Amino acid sequence: ILIEKIQSVKANADQSQRIVEGGCLEIRKLDTAKKNVTYAMKTLKELNKLVIGIEQLRELCISK
C-alpha cells in the first residue's frame, strides 16, 4: 500500500510538472507576442511622426 501511494504521488507530481511546463510555454509565447505588438506600435508611431513631418515640410515649401 505504501508503494502504491508513493507511485500515486509521483504520478500526480509528474502531471503537475507537465501542467506547469505547459503554462510556462504559453506565458513565454504571450511575452513574445506582447514584445512584437509593442514594437509594431512604436514603429507605427515613428512612421506617423515622419509622415506629419513630411507634410509640414511640404506645406512650408508651398508657402515660400
N, C-alpha and C. Protein backbone atom coordinates (compact mmCIF):
# COMPACT_ATOMS: atom_id res chain seq x y z
N ILE A 1 0.84 -1.21 0.00
CA ILE A 1 0.00 0.00 0.00
C ILE A 1 0.87 1.25 0.00
N LEU A 2 1.95 1.27 0.74
CA LEU A 2 2.85 2.42 0.78
C LEU A 2 3.47 2.67 -0.60
N ILE A 3 3.84 1.61 -1.27
CA ILE A 3 4.43 1.73 -2.60
C ILE A 3 3.41 2.32 -3.57
N GLU A 4 2.15 1.89 -3.46
CA GLU A 4 1.11 2.42 -4.34
C GLU A 4 0.90 3.92 -4.09
N LYS A 5 0.93 4.32 -2.84
CA LYS A 5 0.76 5.74 -2.51
C LYS A 5 1.92 6.57 -3.05
N ILE A 6 3.12 6.03 -2.93
CA ILE A 6 4.31 6.72 -3.44
C ILE A 6 4.20 6.86 -4.96
N GLN A 7 3.77 5.81 -5.63
CA GLN A 7 3.61 5.85 -7.08
C GLN A 7 2.53 6.85 -7.48
N SER A 8 1.46 6.90 -6.70
CA SER A 8 0.38 7.85 -6.97
C SER A 8 0.86 9.29 -6.82
N VAL A 9 1.62 9.54 -5.75
CA VAL A 9 2.17 10.88 -5.52
C VAL A 9 3.11 11.25 -6.65
N LYS A 10 3.95 10.31 -7.06
CA LYS A 10 4.88 10.57 -8.16
C LYS A 10 4.13 10.87 -9.45
N ALA A 11 3.08 10.10 -9.74
CA ALA A 11 2.29 10.33 -10.95
C ALA A 11 1.64 11.71 -10.91
N ASN A 12 1.10 12.09 -9.75
CA ASN A 12 0.49 13.42 -9.60
C ASN A 12 1.54 14.51 -9.77
N ALA A 13 2.72 14.29 -9.22
CA ALA A 13 3.79 15.27 -9.36
C ALA A 13 4.22 15.42 -10.82
N ASP A 14 4.31 14.31 -11.53
CA ASP A 14 4.67 14.36 -12.95
C ASP A 14 3.62 15.11 -13.75
N GLN A 15 2.34 14.83 -13.45
CA GLN A 15 1.26 15.51 -14.15
C GLN A 15 1.29 17.01 -13.85
N SER A 16 1.50 17.36 -12.60
CA SER A 16 1.59 18.77 -12.22
C SER A 16 2.75 19.45 -12.92
N GLN A 17 3.87 18.77 -13.03
CA GLN A 17 5.04 19.32 -13.71
C GLN A 17 4.73 19.60 -15.17
N ARG A 18 4.03 18.69 -15.83
CA ARG A 18 3.66 18.90 -17.24
C ARG A 18 2.72 20.10 -17.38
N ILE A 19 1.80 20.24 -16.45
CA ILE A 19 0.87 21.38 -16.49
C ILE A 19 1.63 22.69 -16.32
N VAL A 20 2.54 22.72 -15.38
CA VAL A 20 3.34 23.93 -15.13
C VAL A 20 4.20 24.26 -16.35
N GLU A 21 4.82 23.25 -16.93
CA GLU A 21 5.66 23.49 -18.12
C GLU A 21 4.81 24.02 -19.27
N GLY A 22 3.61 23.48 -19.44
CA GLY A 22 2.72 23.97 -20.49
C GLY A 22 2.33 25.42 -20.25
N GLY A 23 2.03 25.74 -18.99
CA GLY A 23 1.69 27.12 -18.64
C GLY A 23 2.85 28.07 -18.89
N CYS A 24 4.04 27.64 -18.55
CA CYS A 24 5.23 28.48 -18.77
C CYS A 24 5.45 28.70 -20.27
N LEU A 25 5.22 27.69 -21.07
CA LEU A 25 5.37 27.82 -22.52
C LEU A 25 4.38 28.85 -23.05
N GLU A 26 3.14 28.78 -22.58
CA GLU A 26 2.12 29.74 -23.02
C GLU A 26 2.50 31.16 -22.59
N ILE A 27 3.02 31.31 -21.39
CA ILE A 27 3.43 32.63 -20.91
C ILE A 27 4.56 33.18 -21.77
N ARG A 28 5.52 32.34 -22.12
CA ARG A 28 6.62 32.79 -22.99
C ARG A 28 6.09 33.23 -24.36
N LYS A 29 5.12 32.48 -24.90
CA LYS A 29 4.53 32.86 -26.19
C LYS A 29 3.83 34.21 -26.08
N LEU A 30 3.10 34.41 -24.98
CA LEU A 30 2.40 35.68 -24.79
C LEU A 30 3.38 36.83 -24.62
N ASP A 31 4.48 36.58 -23.90
CA ASP A 31 5.50 37.62 -23.74
C ASP A 31 6.09 38.02 -25.09
N THR A 32 6.35 37.02 -25.93
CA THR A 32 6.89 37.31 -27.27
C THR A 32 5.87 38.10 -28.09
N ALA A 33 4.62 37.71 -28.01
CA ALA A 33 3.58 38.43 -28.75
C ALA A 33 3.47 39.87 -28.25
N LYS A 34 3.56 40.06 -26.95
CA LYS A 34 3.49 41.42 -26.39
C LYS A 34 4.65 42.27 -26.88
N LYS A 35 5.84 41.70 -26.90
CA LYS A 35 7.01 42.43 -27.40
C LYS A 35 6.82 42.81 -28.87
N ASN A 36 6.28 41.89 -29.66
CA ASN A 36 6.06 42.17 -31.09
C ASN A 36 5.03 43.27 -31.27
N VAL A 37 3.95 43.22 -30.51
CA VAL A 37 2.91 44.25 -30.62
C VAL A 37 3.46 45.60 -30.17
N THR A 38 4.21 45.61 -29.09
CA THR A 38 4.80 46.85 -28.60
C THR A 38 5.75 47.45 -29.63
N TYR A 39 6.57 46.61 -30.25
CA TYR A 39 7.49 47.07 -31.28
C TYR A 39 6.73 47.63 -32.48
N ALA A 40 5.66 46.93 -32.87
CA ALA A 40 4.87 47.39 -34.02
C ALA A 40 4.22 48.74 -33.72
N MET A 41 3.71 48.91 -32.50
CA MET A 41 3.09 50.18 -32.13
C MET A 41 4.11 51.31 -32.14
N LYS A 42 5.30 51.03 -31.61
CA LYS A 42 6.36 52.05 -31.60
C LYS A 42 6.74 52.43 -33.03
N THR A 43 6.86 51.43 -33.89
CA THR A 43 7.21 51.69 -35.29
C THR A 43 6.14 52.52 -35.98
N LEU A 44 4.88 52.20 -35.73
CA LEU A 44 3.79 52.96 -36.34
C LEU A 44 3.76 54.41 -35.84
N LYS A 45 4.06 54.62 -34.57
CA LYS A 45 4.12 55.98 -34.04
C LYS A 45 5.24 56.77 -34.71
N GLU A 46 6.38 56.14 -34.88
CA GLU A 46 7.50 56.81 -35.54
C GLU A 46 7.17 57.12 -37.00
N LEU A 47 6.52 56.18 -37.66
CA LEU A 47 6.11 56.40 -39.04
C LEU A 47 5.12 57.56 -39.13
N ASN A 48 4.19 57.61 -38.17
CA ASN A 48 3.23 58.71 -38.14
C ASN A 48 3.94 60.05 -37.97
N LYS A 49 4.94 60.11 -37.08
CA LYS A 49 5.71 61.34 -36.89
C LYS A 49 6.41 61.74 -38.19
N LEU A 50 6.96 60.75 -38.88
CA LEU A 50 7.64 61.02 -40.15
C LEU A 50 6.68 61.58 -41.19
N VAL A 51 5.50 60.98 -41.29
CA VAL A 51 4.51 61.44 -42.26
C VAL A 51 4.08 62.87 -41.92
N ILE A 52 3.85 63.15 -40.65
CA ILE A 52 3.47 64.51 -40.23
C ILE A 52 4.58 65.50 -40.56
N GLY A 53 5.82 65.10 -40.31
CA GLY A 53 6.96 65.97 -40.61
C GLY A 53 7.08 66.26 -42.09
N ILE A 54 6.88 65.24 -42.91
CA ILE A 54 6.95 65.43 -44.36
C ILE A 54 5.83 66.36 -44.83
N GLU A 55 4.64 66.17 -44.27
CA GLU A 55 3.51 67.03 -44.64
C GLU A 55 3.78 68.48 -44.24
N GLN A 56 4.33 68.68 -43.06
CA GLN A 56 4.66 70.05 -42.63
C GLN A 56 5.71 70.66 -43.54
N LEU A 57 6.71 69.89 -43.90
CA LEU A 57 7.76 70.37 -44.79
C LEU A 57 7.17 70.73 -46.16
N ARG A 58 6.28 69.90 -46.67
CA ARG A 58 5.63 70.17 -47.95
C ARG A 58 4.85 71.48 -47.89
N GLU A 59 4.11 71.66 -46.79
CA GLU A 59 3.33 72.89 -46.63
C GLU A 59 4.24 74.13 -46.55
N LEU A 60 5.37 73.99 -45.86
CA LEU A 60 6.31 75.12 -45.79
C LEU A 60 6.91 75.43 -47.16
N CYS A 61 7.20 74.38 -47.92
CA CYS A 61 7.75 74.62 -49.28
C CYS A 61 6.72 75.29 -50.18
N ILE A 62 5.49 74.93 -50.06
CA ILE A 62 4.43 75.54 -50.87
C ILE A 62 4.24 77.01 -50.48
N SER A 63 4.32 77.30 -49.20
CA SER A 63 4.06 78.68 -48.74
C SER A 63 5.20 79.63 -49.07
N LYS A 64 6.38 79.14 -49.41
CA LYS A 64 7.50 80.02 -49.70
C LYS A 64 7.56 80.42 -51.13
